[in-house]
Amino acid sequence: MAERTVSIGSSHGLHARPAALFTQAASQAGMPVQITKGAKKANAASILGVISLGIDHGDEVVLSADGENAEVVLEELAGMLEADMDQA
């Protein structure tokens, strides 16, 4: 299983809009992706799951995936989380 620790770049955290963009990308990854904040874990393709984690700007989360090209998938998703999606 591949893992990647990411610091959230969006200035308002993963509220509805950036969470929707992230979960859409995760659902198209072709493999299950998990996002973890502290002791709480969620399916990265679930908008309700991601929002329920209460992820704020600067928080560290762990992305994990298991499958062919998992490292590439995590790199792309991590890039999204590190960017300020509130500026797009």
N, C-alpha and C. Protein backbone atom coordinates (compact mmCIF):
# COMPACT_ATOMS: atom_id res chain seq x y z
N MET A 1 0.84 -1.18 0.00
CA MET A 1 0.00 0.00 0.00
C MET A 1 0.88 1.24 0.00
N ALA A 2 0.54 2.18 -0.87
CA ALA A 2 1.27 3.43 -0.96
C ALA A 2 0.60 4.47 -0.08
N GLU A 3 1.41 5.32 0.55
CA GLU A 3 0.88 6.38 1.40
C GLU A 3 1.61 7.69 1.11
N ARG A 4 0.90 8.77 1.36
CA ARG A 4 1.48 10.10 1.15
C ARG A 4 0.89 11.05 2.17
N THR A 5 1.74 11.75 2.92
CA THR A 5 1.29 12.76 3.88
C THR A 5 1.28 14.10 3.18
N VAL A 6 0.17 14.83 3.36
CA VAL A 6 -0.05 16.08 2.63
C VAL A 6 -0.52 17.16 3.59
N SER A 7 -0.03 18.38 3.38
CA SER A 7 -0.51 19.54 4.12
C SER A 7 -1.52 20.28 3.25
N ILE A 8 -2.67 20.60 3.80
CA ILE A 8 -3.77 21.20 3.04
C ILE A 8 -3.47 22.66 2.71
N GLY A 9 -3.54 22.98 1.42
CA GLY A 9 -3.20 24.32 0.95
C GLY A 9 -4.39 25.25 0.79
N SER A 10 -5.59 24.73 0.63
CA SER A 10 -6.76 25.60 0.44
C SER A 10 -6.95 26.49 1.65
N SER A 11 -7.10 27.78 1.41
CA SER A 11 -7.14 28.76 2.50
C SER A 11 -8.31 28.55 3.45
N HIS A 12 -9.36 27.89 3.02
CA HIS A 12 -10.50 27.62 3.89
C HIS A 12 -10.68 26.13 4.15
N GLY A 13 -9.65 25.34 3.90
CA GLY A 13 -9.72 23.90 4.12
C GLY A 13 -10.55 23.19 3.07
N LEU A 14 -10.95 21.97 3.37
CA LEU A 14 -11.73 21.19 2.40
C LEU A 14 -13.22 21.37 2.68
N HIS A 15 -13.72 22.55 2.38
CA HIS A 15 -15.15 22.79 2.45
C HIS A 15 -15.77 22.29 1.14
N ALA A 16 -17.02 22.57 0.89
CA ALA A 16 -17.78 21.94 -0.20
C ALA A 16 -17.10 21.97 -1.57
N ARG A 17 -16.68 23.14 -2.05
CA ARG A 17 -16.14 23.22 -3.41
C ARG A 17 -14.83 22.45 -3.57
N PRO A 18 -13.79 22.72 -2.76
CA PRO A 18 -12.56 21.96 -2.94
C PRO A 18 -12.74 20.48 -2.63
N ALA A 19 -13.60 20.16 -1.69
CA ALA A 19 -13.87 18.74 -1.39
C ALA A 19 -14.50 18.05 -2.58
N ALA A 20 -15.40 18.75 -3.27
CA ALA A 20 -16.05 18.17 -4.45
C ALA A 20 -15.04 17.92 -5.56
N LEU A 21 -14.14 18.88 -5.79
CA LEU A 21 -13.11 18.70 -6.82
C LEU A 21 -12.21 17.51 -6.48
N PHE A 22 -11.81 17.42 -5.20
CA PHE A 22 -10.93 16.34 -4.76
C PHE A 22 -11.62 14.99 -4.88
N THR A 23 -12.86 14.89 -4.41
CA THR A 23 -13.56 13.59 -4.43
C THR A 23 -13.85 13.14 -5.85
N GLN A 24 -14.11 14.08 -6.75
CA GLN A 24 -14.31 13.70 -8.16
C GLN A 24 -13.03 13.09 -8.73
N ALA A 25 -11.90 13.71 -8.43
CA ALA A 25 -10.62 13.17 -8.91
C ALA A 25 -10.34 11.81 -8.28
N ALA A 26 -10.63 11.66 -7.00
CA ALA A 26 -10.41 10.39 -6.32
C ALA A 26 -11.29 9.29 -6.89
N SER A 27 -12.53 9.64 -7.25
CA SER A 27 -13.44 8.62 -7.80
C SER A 27 -13.01 8.17 -9.18
N GLN A 28 -12.23 8.98 -9.87
CA GLN A 28 -11.75 8.63 -11.20
C GLN A 28 -10.37 7.97 -11.17
N ALA A 29 -9.85 7.71 -9.98
CA ALA A 29 -8.50 7.18 -9.83
C ALA A 29 -8.36 5.74 -10.30
N GLY A 30 -9.45 5.01 -10.37
CA GLY A 30 -9.38 3.62 -10.80
C GLY A 30 -8.98 2.66 -9.70
N MET A 31 -8.95 3.14 -8.46
CA MET A 31 -8.62 2.30 -7.31
C MET A 31 -9.16 2.98 -6.07
N PRO A 32 -9.41 2.22 -5.01
CA PRO A 32 -9.87 2.85 -3.76
C PRO A 32 -8.76 3.70 -3.14
N VAL A 33 -9.14 4.89 -2.71
CA VAL A 33 -8.21 5.80 -2.05
C VAL A 33 -8.83 6.19 -0.72
N GLN A 34 -8.03 6.15 0.33
CA GLN A 34 -8.47 6.54 1.68
C GLN A 34 -7.78 7.85 2.06
N ILE A 35 -8.49 8.66 2.83
CA ILE A 35 -7.91 9.88 3.39
C ILE A 35 -8.08 9.81 4.91
N THR A 36 -7.01 10.10 5.63
CA THR A 36 -7.02 9.98 7.08
C THR A 36 -6.56 11.28 7.71
N LYS A 37 -7.33 11.74 8.71
CA LYS A 37 -6.93 12.89 9.54
C LYS A 37 -6.99 12.41 10.98
N GLY A 38 -5.85 12.35 11.62
CA GLY A 38 -5.79 11.84 12.99
C GLY A 38 -6.24 10.40 13.02
N ALA A 39 -7.23 10.09 13.84
CA ALA A 39 -7.73 8.72 13.96
C ALA A 39 -8.93 8.46 13.05
N LYS A 40 -9.37 9.49 12.31
CA LYS A 40 -10.55 9.34 11.46
C LYS A 40 -10.15 9.08 10.01
N LYS A 41 -10.81 8.12 9.39
CA LYS A 41 -10.50 7.71 8.02
C LYS A 41 -11.78 7.76 7.19
N ALA A 42 -11.64 8.10 5.90
CA ALA A 42 -12.79 8.15 5.00
C ALA A 42 -12.38 7.72 3.60
N ASN A 43 -13.36 7.29 2.85
CA ASN A 43 -13.18 7.00 1.43
C ASN A 43 -12.98 8.36 0.75
N ALA A 44 -11.87 8.53 0.04
CA ALA A 44 -11.56 9.82 -0.59
C ALA A 44 -12.53 10.17 -1.71
N ALA A 45 -13.31 9.21 -2.19
CA ALA A 45 -14.28 9.47 -3.26
C ALA A 45 -15.64 9.86 -2.69
N SER A 46 -15.78 9.92 -1.38
CA SER A 46 -17.05 10.24 -0.73
C SER A 46 -17.03 11.68 -0.21
N ILE A 47 -17.82 12.55 -0.81
CA ILE A 47 -17.83 13.95 -0.37
C ILE A 47 -18.26 14.06 1.08
N LEU A 48 -19.26 13.31 1.49
CA LEU A 48 -19.70 13.36 2.88
C LEU A 48 -18.61 12.87 3.83
N GLY A 49 -17.92 11.81 3.42
CA GLY A 49 -16.83 11.29 4.24
C GLY A 49 -15.70 12.28 4.40
N VAL A 50 -15.33 12.93 3.31
CA VAL A 50 -14.22 13.90 3.34
C VAL A 50 -14.61 15.11 4.18
N ILE A 51 -15.81 15.65 3.95
CA ILE A 51 -16.24 16.82 4.72
C ILE A 51 -16.35 16.49 6.21
N SER A 52 -16.77 15.27 6.53
CA SER A 52 -16.94 14.89 7.94
C SER A 52 -15.62 14.86 8.70
N LEU A 53 -14.50 14.83 8.00
CA LEU A 53 -13.19 14.83 8.67
C LEU A 53 -12.83 16.21 9.22
N GLY A 54 -13.52 17.26 8.75
CA GLY A 54 -13.26 18.61 9.27
C GLY A 54 -11.85 19.08 8.98
N ILE A 55 -11.42 18.97 7.73
CA ILE A 55 -10.04 19.29 7.35
C ILE A 55 -9.90 20.80 7.10
N ASP A 56 -8.99 21.43 7.83
CA ASP A 56 -8.76 22.87 7.72
C ASP A 56 -7.42 23.16 7.04
N HIS A 57 -7.25 24.43 6.67
CA HIS A 57 -5.99 24.88 6.07
C HIS A 57 -4.82 24.52 6.98
N GLY A 58 -3.79 23.93 6.41
CA GLY A 58 -2.58 23.58 7.16
C GLY A 58 -2.63 22.23 7.84
N ASP A 59 -3.81 21.61 7.91
CA ASP A 59 -3.91 20.27 8.50
C ASP A 59 -3.11 19.28 7.68
N GLU A 60 -2.57 18.27 8.34
CA GLU A 60 -1.90 17.18 7.63
C GLU A 60 -2.84 15.99 7.56
N VAL A 61 -2.94 15.43 6.36
CA VAL A 61 -3.74 14.23 6.13
C VAL A 61 -2.86 13.19 5.47
N VAL A 62 -3.27 11.94 5.56
CA VAL A 62 -2.55 10.86 4.90
C VAL A 62 -3.47 10.27 3.83
N LEU A 63 -2.95 10.22 2.61
CA LEU A 63 -3.65 9.55 1.52
C LEU A 63 -3.05 8.16 1.37
N SER A 64 -3.88 7.16 1.14
CA SER A 64 -3.37 5.82 0.91
C SER A 64 -4.17 5.14 -0.19
N ALA A 65 -3.48 4.33 -0.96
CA ALA A 65 -4.10 3.60 -2.07
C ALA A 65 -3.32 2.33 -2.30
N ASP A 66 -4.01 1.34 -2.82
CA ASP A 66 -3.39 0.06 -3.12
C ASP A 66 -3.80 -0.35 -4.52
N GLY A 67 -2.83 -0.45 -5.39
CA GLY A 67 -3.11 -0.85 -6.76
C GLY A 67 -1.98 -0.44 -7.68
N GLU A 68 -2.12 -0.85 -8.92
CA GLU A 68 -1.12 -0.50 -9.92
C GLU A 68 -1.14 1.02 -10.11
N ASN A 69 0.00 1.64 -10.14
CA ASN A 69 0.15 3.09 -10.30
C ASN A 69 -0.35 3.88 -9.09
N ALA A 70 -0.42 3.26 -7.92
CA ALA A 70 -0.90 3.96 -6.72
C ALA A 70 -0.06 5.20 -6.42
N GLU A 71 1.25 5.10 -6.61
CA GLU A 71 2.12 6.25 -6.33
C GLU A 71 1.77 7.43 -7.23
N VAL A 72 1.49 7.16 -8.50
CA VAL A 72 1.13 8.22 -9.46
C VAL A 72 -0.20 8.85 -9.06
N VAL A 73 -1.16 8.03 -8.72
CA VAL A 73 -2.48 8.51 -8.29
C VAL A 73 -2.34 9.40 -7.06
N LEU A 74 -1.59 8.94 -6.07
CA LEU A 74 -1.42 9.71 -4.85
C LEU A 74 -0.69 11.02 -5.11
N GLU A 75 0.26 11.01 -6.02
CA GLU A 75 0.99 12.24 -6.37
C GLU A 75 0.03 13.27 -6.95
N GLU A 76 -0.86 12.85 -7.84
CA GLU A 76 -1.82 13.77 -8.45
C GLU A 76 -2.80 14.31 -7.41
N LEU A 77 -3.34 13.43 -6.57
CA LEU A 77 -4.29 13.86 -5.55
C LEU A 77 -3.61 14.76 -4.51
N ALA A 78 -2.39 14.44 -4.15
CA ALA A 78 -1.65 15.26 -3.19
C ALA A 78 -1.43 16.66 -3.76
N GLY A 79 -1.13 16.74 -5.04
CA GLY A 79 -0.95 18.04 -5.69
C GLY A 79 -2.20 18.90 -5.58
N MET A 80 -3.36 18.28 -5.72
CA MET A 80 -4.61 19.02 -5.57
C MET A 80 -4.75 19.55 -4.15
N LEU A 81 -4.49 18.71 -3.16
CA LEU A 81 -4.67 19.10 -1.77
C LEU A 81 -3.66 20.18 -1.35
N GLU A 82 -2.47 20.15 -1.91
CA GLU A 82 -1.44 21.12 -1.55
C GLU A 82 -1.71 22.49 -2.18
N ALA A 83 -2.49 22.52 -3.26
CA ALA A 83 -2.81 23.76 -3.95
C ALA A 83 -3.95 24.48 -3.22
N ASP A 84 -4.03 25.79 -3.42
CA ASP A 84 -5.15 26.55 -2.85
C ASP A 84 -6.29 26.51 -3.86
N MET A 85 -7.17 25.52 -3.70
CA MET A 85 -8.29 25.37 -4.64
C MET A 85 -9.33 26.47 -4.47
N ASP A 86 -9.21 27.29 -3.45
CA ASP A 86 -10.11 28.43 -3.29
C ASP A 86 -9.75 29.56 -4.26
N GLN A 87 -8.55 29.52 -4.81
CA GLN A 87 -8.09 30.53 -5.75
C GLN A 87 -8.50 30.23 -7.19
N ALA A 88 -8.93 28.99 -7.46
CA ALA A 88 -9.26 28.58 -8.84
C ALA A 88 -10.56 29.17 -9.30
